[in-house]
Amino acid sequence: MSKPDTICRAHAKNLDTLKLAFSRDEVALVECNRISDNTIVAMLCVVHMDQDGEYNIIPFAEMINGNPYDMYLPPNPNGGF
């Protein structure tokens, strides 16, 4: 039985969007309230100005509080985890 892909097409597309936003200097670190527990968290967001001159702030990733090396195992160099 094989594992499902955790990096789905939507995640890869979001990464491409972030790369483009970084190249255009349209990325910001923004404080947001997490709906599930109302905690204020730092979010990596794309900031885009629409045709009407209004800014759209699109959250993409919640920043990790703490040492990620203590929280996650790195991918296996031979593939998988």
PDB file of N, CA and C in Angstrom:
ATOM      1  N   MET A   1       0.849  -1.179   0.000  1.00  0.00           N
ATOM      2  CA  MET A   1       0.000   0.000   0.000  1.00  0.00           C
ATOM      3  C   MET A   1       0.895   1.243   0.000  1.00  0.00           C
ATOM      4  N   SER A   2       0.683   2.129  -0.937  1.00  0.00           N
ATOM      5  CA  SER A   2       1.520   3.325  -1.033  1.00  0.00           C
ATOM      6  C   SER A   2       0.917   4.470  -0.233  1.00  0.00           C
ATOM      7  N   LYS A   3       1.788   5.382   0.186  1.00  0.00           N
ATOM      8  CA  LYS A   3       1.349   6.561   0.923  1.00  0.00           C
ATOM      9  C   LYS A   3       0.766   7.580  -0.054  1.00  0.00           C
ATOM     10  N   PRO A   4      -0.260   8.320   0.381  1.00  0.00           N
ATOM     11  CA  PRO A   4      -0.760   9.383  -0.493  1.00  0.00           C
ATOM     12  C   PRO A   4       0.266  10.506  -0.585  1.00  0.00           C
ATOM     13  N   ASP A   5       0.288  11.195  -1.706  1.00  0.00           N
ATOM     14  CA  ASP A   5       1.192  12.333  -1.870  1.00  0.00           C
ATOM     15  C   ASP A   5       0.749  13.457  -0.948  1.00  0.00           C
ATOM     16  N   THR A   6       1.674  13.929  -0.087  1.00  0.00           N
ATOM     17  CA  THR A   6       1.334  15.036   0.804  1.00  0.00           C
ATOM     18  C   THR A   6       1.561  16.372   0.124  1.00  0.00           C
ATOM     19  N   ILE A   7       2.382  16.380  -0.912  1.00  0.00           N
ATOM     20  CA  ILE A   7       2.587  17.602  -1.684  1.00  0.00           C
ATOM     21  C   ILE A   7       1.698  17.473  -2.922  1.00  0.00           C
ATOM     22  N   CYS A   8       0.471  17.942  -2.778  1.00  0.00           N
ATOM     23  CA  CYS A   8      -0.479  17.823  -3.866  1.00  0.00           C
ATOM     24  C   CYS A   8      -0.268  18.950  -4.876  1.00  0.00           C
ATOM     25  N   ARG A   9      -0.953  18.863  -5.961  1.00  0.00           N
ATOM     26  CA  ARG A   9      -0.828  19.850  -7.032  1.00  0.00           C
ATOM     27  C   ARG A   9      -1.133  21.256  -6.531  1.00  0.00           C
ATOM     28  N   ALA A  10      -2.117  21.409  -5.643  1.00  0.00           N
ATOM     29  CA  ALA A  10      -2.464  22.737  -5.114  1.00  0.00           C
ATOM     30  C   ALA A  10      -1.313  23.327  -4.303  1.00  0.00           C
ATOM     31  N   HIS A  11      -0.614  22.493  -3.516  1.00  0.00           N
ATOM     32  CA  HIS A  11       0.530  22.990  -2.748  1.00  0.00           C
ATOM     33  C   HIS A  11       1.642  23.443  -3.680  1.00  0.00           C
ATOM     34  N   ALA A  12       1.903  22.669  -4.715  1.00  0.00           N
ATOM     35  CA  ALA A  12       2.944  23.039  -5.681  1.00  0.00           C
ATOM     36  C   ALA A  12       2.571  24.341  -6.392  1.00  0.00           C
ATOM     37  N   LYS A  13       1.290  24.501  -6.720  1.00  0.00           N
ATOM     38  CA  LYS A  13       0.836  25.734  -7.370  1.00  0.00           C
ATOM     39  C   LYS A  13       0.985  26.927  -6.421  1.00  0.00           C
ATOM     40  N   ASN A  14       0.678  26.724  -5.143  1.00  0.00           N
ATOM     41  CA  ASN A  14       0.859  27.798  -4.160  1.00  0.00           C
ATOM     42  C   ASN A  14       2.335  28.186  -4.036  1.00  0.00           C
ATOM     43  N   LEU A  15       3.221  27.211  -4.104  1.00  0.00           N
ATOM     44  CA  LEU A  15       4.648  27.515  -4.060  1.00  0.00           C
ATOM     45  C   LEU A  15       5.052  28.365  -5.263  1.00  0.00           C
ATOM     46  N   ASP A  16       4.538  28.033  -6.426  1.00  0.00           N
ATOM     47  CA  ASP A  16       4.822  28.835  -7.623  1.00  0.00           C
ATOM     48  C   ASP A  16       4.305  30.266  -7.451  1.00  0.00           C
ATOM     49  N   THR A  17       3.119  30.407  -6.852  1.00  0.00           N
ATOM     50  CA  THR A  17       2.557  31.741  -6.597  1.00  0.00           C
ATOM     51  C   THR A  17       3.450  32.523  -5.645  1.00  0.00           C
ATOM     52  N   LEU A  18       3.936  31.861  -4.591  1.00  0.00           N
ATOM     53  CA  LEU A  18       4.833  32.529  -3.649  1.00  0.00           C
ATOM     54  C   LEU A  18       6.145  32.938  -4.310  1.00  0.00           C
ATOM     55  N   LYS A  19       6.707  32.090  -5.148  1.00  0.00           N
ATOM     56  CA  LYS A  19       7.944  32.437  -5.852  1.00  0.00           C
ATOM     57  C   LYS A  19       7.747  33.690  -6.693  1.00  0.00           C
ATOM     58  N   LEU A  20       6.630  33.757  -7.408  1.00  0.00           N
ATOM     59  CA  LEU A  20       6.332  34.926  -8.231  1.00  0.00           C
ATOM     60  C   LEU A  20       6.151  36.162  -7.356  1.00  0.00           C
ATOM     61  N   ALA A  21       5.433  36.010  -6.245  1.00  0.00           N
ATOM     62  CA  ALA A  21       5.214  37.142  -5.343  1.00  0.00           C
ATOM     63  C   ALA A  21       6.524  37.642  -4.751  1.00  0.00           C
ATOM     64  N   PHE A  22       7.428  36.730  -4.386  1.00  0.00           N
ATOM     65  CA  PHE A  22       8.740  37.154  -3.874  1.00  0.00           C
ATOM     66  C   PHE A  22       9.517  37.914  -4.940  1.00  0.00           C
ATOM     67  N   SER A  23       9.443  37.455  -6.182  1.00  0.00           N
ATOM     68  CA  SER A  23      10.182  38.127  -7.255  1.00  0.00           C
ATOM     69  C   SER A  23       9.636  39.530  -7.514  1.00  0.00           C
ATOM     70  N   ARG A  24       8.369  39.754  -7.156  1.00  0.00           N
ATOM     71  CA  ARG A  24       7.731  41.064  -7.349  1.00  0.00           C
ATOM     72  C   ARG A  24       7.702  41.900  -6.066  1.00  0.00           C
ATOM     73  N   ASP A  25       8.315  41.381  -5.009  1.00  0.00           N
ATOM     74  CA  ASP A  25       8.318  42.058  -3.699  1.00  0.00           C
ATOM     75  C   ASP A  25       6.903  42.295  -3.198  1.00  0.00           C
ATOM     76  N   GLU A  26       6.040  41.280  -3.369  1.00  0.00           N
ATOM     77  CA  GLU A  26       4.638  41.355  -2.954  1.00  0.00           C
ATOM     78  C   GLU A  26       4.338  40.388  -1.805  1.00  0.00           C
ATOM     79  N   VAL A  27       5.305  40.211  -0.909  1.00  0.00           N
ATOM     80  CA  VAL A  27       5.146  39.286   0.217  1.00  0.00           C
ATOM     81  C   VAL A  27       5.333  40.050   1.510  1.00  0.00           C
ATOM     82  N   ALA A  28       4.518  39.701   2.511  1.00  0.00           N
ATOM     83  CA  ALA A  28       4.621  40.365   3.815  1.00  0.00           C
ATOM     84  C   ALA A  28       4.370  39.352   4.922  1.00  0.00           C
ATOM     85  N   LEU A  29       4.902  39.671   6.087  1.00  0.00           N
ATOM     86  CA  LEU A  29       4.616  38.913   7.296  1.00  0.00           C
ATOM     87  C   LEU A  29       3.544  39.695   8.034  1.00  0.00           C
ATOM     88  N   VAL A  30       2.395  39.071   8.259  1.00  0.00           N
ATOM     89  CA  VAL A  30       1.219  39.757   8.789  1.00  0.00           C
ATOM     90  C   VAL A  30       0.690  39.001  10.002  1.00  0.00           C
ATOM     91  N   GLU A  31       0.263  39.742  11.036  1.00  0.00           N
ATOM     92  CA  GLU A  31      -0.397  39.112  12.180  1.00  0.00           C
ATOM     93  C   GLU A  31      -1.849  38.848  11.821  1.00  0.00           C
ATOM     94  N   CYS A  32      -2.294  37.611  12.065  1.00  0.00           N
ATOM     95  CA  CYS A  32      -3.681  37.213  11.809  1.00  0.00           C
ATOM     96  C   CYS A  32      -4.201  36.465  13.035  1.00  0.00           C
ATOM     97  N   ASN A  33      -5.514  36.399  13.163  1.00  0.00           N
ATOM     98  CA  ASN A  33      -6.133  35.593  14.211  1.00  0.00           C
ATOM     99  C   ASN A  33      -6.503  34.235  13.618  1.00  0.00           C
ATOM    100  N   ARG A  34      -6.001  33.176  14.252  1.00  0.00           N
ATOM    101  CA  ARG A  34      -6.367  31.826  13.840  1.00  0.00           C
ATOM    102  C   ARG A  34      -7.796  31.566  14.312  1.00  0.00           C
ATOM    103  N   ILE A  35      -8.664  31.192  13.413  1.00  0.00           N
ATOM    104  CA  ILE A  35     -10.086  31.018  13.733  1.00  0.00           C
ATOM    105  C   ILE A  35     -10.308  29.925  14.772  1.00  0.00           C
ATOM    106  N   SER A  36      -9.570  28.821  14.689  1.00  0.00           N
ATOM    107  CA  SER A  36      -9.835  27.668  15.556  1.00  0.00           C
ATOM    108  C   SER A  36      -9.669  27.960  17.034  1.00  0.00           C
ATOM    109  N   ASP A  37      -8.726  28.858  17.383  1.00  0.00           N
ATOM    110  CA  ASP A  37      -8.501  29.132  18.810  1.00  0.00           C
ATOM    111  C   ASP A  37      -8.285  30.618  19.109  1.00  0.00           C
ATOM    112  N   ASN A  38      -8.497  31.480  18.114  1.00  0.00           N
ATOM    113  CA  ASN A  38      -8.391  32.935  18.259  1.00  0.00           C
ATOM    114  C   ASN A  38      -7.001  33.395  18.687  1.00  0.00           C
ATOM    115  N   THR A  39      -5.984  32.584  18.398  1.00  0.00           N
ATOM    116  CA  THR A  39      -4.609  32.959  18.706  1.00  0.00           C
ATOM    117  C   THR A  39      -4.068  33.864  17.603  1.00  0.00           C
ATOM    118  N   ILE A  40      -3.331  34.895  17.991  1.00  0.00           N
ATOM    119  CA  ILE A  40      -2.669  35.747  17.005  1.00  0.00           C
ATOM    120  C   ILE A  40      -1.410  35.030  16.541  1.00  0.00           C
ATOM    121  N   VAL A  41      -1.297  34.868  15.235  1.00  0.00           N
ATOM    122  CA  VAL A  41      -0.162  34.160  14.646  1.00  0.00           C
ATOM    123  C   VAL A  41       0.445  35.002  13.523  1.00  0.00           C
ATOM    124  N   ALA A  42       1.705  34.724  13.218  1.00  0.00           N
ATOM    125  CA  ALA A  42       2.366  35.375  12.089  1.00  0.00           C
ATOM    126  C   ALA A  42       2.107  34.537  10.842  1.00  0.00           C
ATOM    127  N   MET A  43       1.653  35.204   9.789  1.00  0.00           N
ATOM    128  CA  MET A  43       1.336  34.532   8.533  1.00  0.00           C
ATOM    129  C   MET A  43       2.178  35.105   7.406  1.00  0.00           C
ATOM    130  N   LEU A  44       2.677  34.233   6.545  1.00  0.00           N
ATOM    131  CA  LEU A  44       3.325  34.650   5.316  1.00  0.00           C
ATOM    132  C   LEU A  44       2.207  34.904   4.313  1.00  0.00           C
ATOM    133  N   CYS A  45       2.117  36.142   3.818  1.00  0.00           N
ATOM    134  CA  CYS A  45       1.009  36.541   2.953  1.00  0.00           C
ATOM    135  C   CYS A  45       1.510  37.157   1.660  1.00  0.00           C
ATOM    136  N   VAL A  46       0.725  36.978   0.624  1.00  0.00           N
ATOM    137  CA  VAL A  46       0.942  37.695  -0.626  1.00  0.00           C
ATOM    138  C   VAL A  46       0.081  38.948  -0.551  1.00  0.00           C
ATOM    139  N   VAL A  47       0.675  40.082  -0.871  1.00  0.00           N
ATOM    140  CA  VAL A  47      -0.039  41.358  -0.874  1.00  0.00           C
ATOM    141  C   VAL A  47      -0.098  41.823  -2.323  1.00  0.00           C
ATOM    142  N   HIS A  48      -1.303  41.897  -2.842  1.00  0.00           N
ATOM    143  CA  HIS A  48      -1.489  42.226  -4.248  1.00  0.00           C
ATOM    144  C   HIS A  48      -2.449  43.393  -4.386  1.00  0.00           C
ATOM    145  N   MET A  49      -2.102  44.353  -5.229  1.00  0.00           N
ATOM    146  CA  MET A  49      -2.992  45.480  -5.479  1.00  0.00           C
ATOM    147  C   MET A  49      -3.870  45.153  -6.691  1.00  0.00           C
ATOM    148  N   ASP A  50      -5.194  45.284  -6.510  1.00  0.00           N
ATOM    149  CA  ASP A  50      -6.092  45.006  -7.629  1.00  0.00           C
ATOM    150  C   ASP A  50      -6.212  46.230  -8.543  1.00  0.00           C
ATOM    151  N   GLN A  51      -7.032  46.129  -9.557  1.00  0.00           N
ATOM    152  CA  GLN A  51      -7.163  47.196 -10.553  1.00  0.00           C
ATOM    153  C   GLN A  51      -7.752  48.473  -9.971  1.00  0.00           C
ATOM    154  N   ASP A  52      -8.471  48.372  -8.861  1.00  0.00           N
ATOM    155  CA  ASP A  52      -9.073  49.545  -8.221  1.00  0.00           C
ATOM    156  C   ASP A  52      -8.133  50.199  -7.214  1.00  0.00           C
ATOM    157  N   GLY A  53      -6.910  49.697  -7.099  1.00  0.00           N
ATOM    158  CA  GLY A  53      -5.947  50.260  -6.162  1.00  0.00           C
ATOM    159  C   GLY A  53      -6.118  49.757  -4.743  1.00  0.00           C
ATOM    160  N   GLU A  54      -6.947  48.745  -4.548  1.00  0.00           N
ATOM    161  CA  GLU A  54      -7.155  48.146  -3.223  1.00  0.00           C
ATOM    162  C   GLU A  54      -6.169  46.998  -3.026  1.00  0.00           C
ATOM    163  N   TYR A  55      -5.629  46.891  -1.806  1.00  0.00           N
ATOM    164  CA  TYR A  55      -4.714  45.805  -1.497  1.00  0.00           C
ATOM    165  C   TYR A  55      -5.491  44.566  -1.076  1.00  0.00           C
ATOM    166  N   ASN A  56      -5.101  43.434  -1.599  1.00  0.00           N
ATOM    167  CA  ASN A  56      -5.619  42.136  -1.182  1.00  0.00           C
ATOM    168  C   ASN A  56      -4.500  41.421  -0.446  1.00  0.00           C
ATOM    169  N   ILE A  57      -4.791  40.948   0.750  1.00  0.00           N
ATOM    170  CA  ILE A  57      -3.815  40.210   1.549  1.00  0.00           C
ATOM    171  C   ILE A  57      -4.275  38.757   1.589  1.00  0.00           C
ATOM    172  N   ILE A  58      -3.455  37.876   1.027  1.00  0.00           N
ATOM    173  CA  ILE A  58      -3.809  36.476   0.885  1.00  0.00           C
ATOM    174  C   ILE A  58      -2.868  35.637   1.735  1.00  0.00           C
ATOM    175  N   PRO A  59      -3.362  35.037   2.829  1.00  0.00           N
ATOM    176  CA  PRO A  59      -2.492  34.219   3.681  1.00  0.00           C
ATOM    177  C   PRO A  59      -2.115  32.908   2.991  1.00  0.00           C
ATOM    178  N   PHE A  60      -0.840  32.545   3.130  1.00  0.00           N
ATOM    179  CA  PHE A  60      -0.351  31.312   2.508  1.00  0.00           C
ATOM    180  C   PHE A  60       0.200  30.317   3.516  1.00  0.00           C
ATOM    181  N   ALA A  61       0.863  30.796   4.570  1.00  0.00           N
ATOM    182  CA  ALA A  61       1.488  29.852   5.492  1.00  0.00           C
ATOM    183  C   ALA A  61       1.626  30.476   6.869  1.00  0.00           C
ATOM    184  N   GLU A  62       1.334  29.681   7.880  1.00  0.00           N
ATOM    185  CA  GLU A  62       1.537  30.130   9.262  1.00  0.00           C
ATOM    186  C   GLU A  62       2.988  29.855   9.640  1.00  0.00           C
ATOM    187  N   MET A  63       3.634  30.856  10.211  1.00  0.00           N
ATOM    188  CA  MET A  63       5.021  30.703  10.636  1.00  0.00           C
ATOM    189  C   MET A  63       5.064  29.828  11.896  1.00  0.00           C
ATOM    190  N   ILE A  64       6.119  29.067  12.036  1.00  0.00           N
ATOM    191  CA  ILE A  64       6.276  28.144  13.156  1.00  0.00           C
ATOM    192  C   ILE A  64       6.831  28.892  14.356  1.00  0.00           C
ATOM    193  N   ASN A  65       6.202  28.702  15.506  1.00  0.00           N
ATOM    194  CA  ASN A  65       6.739  29.230  16.764  1.00  0.00           C
ATOM    195  C   ASN A  65       7.556  28.123  17.400  1.00  0.00           C
ATOM    196  N   GLY A  66       8.818  28.370  17.586  1.00  0.00           N
ATOM    197  CA  GLY A  66       9.695  27.360  18.152  1.00  0.00           C
ATOM    198  C   GLY A  66      10.712  26.904  17.126  1.00  0.00           C
ATOM    199  N   ASN A  67      11.467  25.913  17.508  1.00  0.00           N
ATOM    200  CA  ASN A  67      12.526  25.378  16.665  1.00  0.00           C
ATOM    201  C   ASN A  67      11.950  24.272  15.782  1.00  0.00           C
ATOM    202  N   PRO A  68      11.898  24.492  14.459  1.00  0.00           N
ATOM    203  CA  PRO A  68      11.312  23.467  13.594  1.00  0.00           C
ATOM    204  C   PRO A  68      12.093  22.152  13.619  1.00  0.00           C
ATOM    205  N   TYR A  69      13.379  22.207  13.948  1.00  0.00           N
ATOM    206  CA  TYR A  69      14.169  20.978  14.030  1.00  0.00           C
ATOM    207  C   TYR A  69      13.741  20.116  15.216  1.00  0.00           C
ATOM    208  N   ASP A  70      13.116  20.744  16.219  1.00  0.00           N
ATOM    209  CA  ASP A  70      12.583  19.996  17.352  1.00  0.00           C
ATOM    210  C   ASP A  70      11.168  19.501  17.098  1.00  0.00           C
ATOM    211  N   MET A  71      10.526  20.011  16.036  1.00  0.00           N
ATOM    212  CA  MET A  71       9.115  19.713  15.788  1.00  0.00           C
ATOM    213  C   MET A  71       8.874  18.755  14.622  1.00  0.00           C
ATOM    214  N   TYR A  72       9.819  18.691  13.674  1.00  0.00           N
ATOM    215  CA  TYR A  72       9.611  17.920  12.452  1.00  0.00           C
ATOM    216  C   TYR A  72      10.847  17.110  12.108  1.00  0.00           C
ATOM    217  N   LEU A  73      10.622  15.963  11.480  1.00  0.00           N
ATOM    218  CA  LEU A  73      11.721  15.170  10.938  1.00  0.00           C
ATOM    219  C   LEU A  73      11.958  15.617   9.504  1.00  0.00           C
ATOM    220  N   PRO A  74      13.223  15.713   9.084  1.00  0.00           N
ATOM    221  CA  PRO A  74      13.494  16.104   7.698  1.00  0.00           C
ATOM    222  C   PRO A  74      13.129  14.965   6.739  1.00  0.00           C
ATOM    223  N   PRO A  75      12.926  15.318   5.478  1.00  0.00           N
ATOM    224  CA  PRO A  75      12.669  14.240   4.500  1.00  0.00           C
ATOM    225  C   PRO A  75      13.864  13.316   4.392  1.00  0.00           C
ATOM    226  N   ASN A  76      13.599  12.081   4.052  1.00  0.00           N
ATOM    227  CA  ASN A  76      14.631  11.087   3.853  1.00  0.00           C
ATOM    228  C   ASN A  76      15.372  11.413   2.550  1.00  0.00           C
ATOM    229  N   PRO A  77      16.704  11.447   2.557  1.00  0.00           N
ATOM    230  CA  PRO A  77      17.443  11.766   1.331  1.00  0.00           C
ATOM    231  C   PRO A  77      17.172  10.759   0.201  1.00  0.00           C
ATOM    232  N   ASN A  78      16.708   9.556   0.554  1.00  0.00           N
ATOM    233  CA  ASN A  78      16.397   8.535  -0.454  1.00  0.00           C
ATOM    234  C   ASN A  78      14.937   8.591  -0.914  1.00  0.00           C
ATOM    235  N   GLY A  79      14.224   9.605  -0.446  1.00  0.00           N
ATOM    236  CA  GLY A  79      12.807   9.748  -0.808  1.00  0.00           C
ATOM    237  C   GLY A  79      11.918   9.345   0.341  1.00  0.00           C
ATOM    238  N   GLY A  80      10.794   9.985   0.449  1.00  0.00           N
ATOM    239  CA  GLY A  80       9.848   9.667   1.516  1.00  0.00           C
ATOM    240  C   GLY A  80      10.289  10.234   2.845  1.00  0.00           C
ATOM    241  N   PHE A  81       9.704   9.698   3.920  1.00  0.00           N
ATOM    242  CA  PHE A  81      10.008  10.223   5.256  1.00  0.00           C
ATOM    243  C   PHE A  81      10.472   9.145   6.192  1.00  0.00           C
TER     244      PHE A  81
END
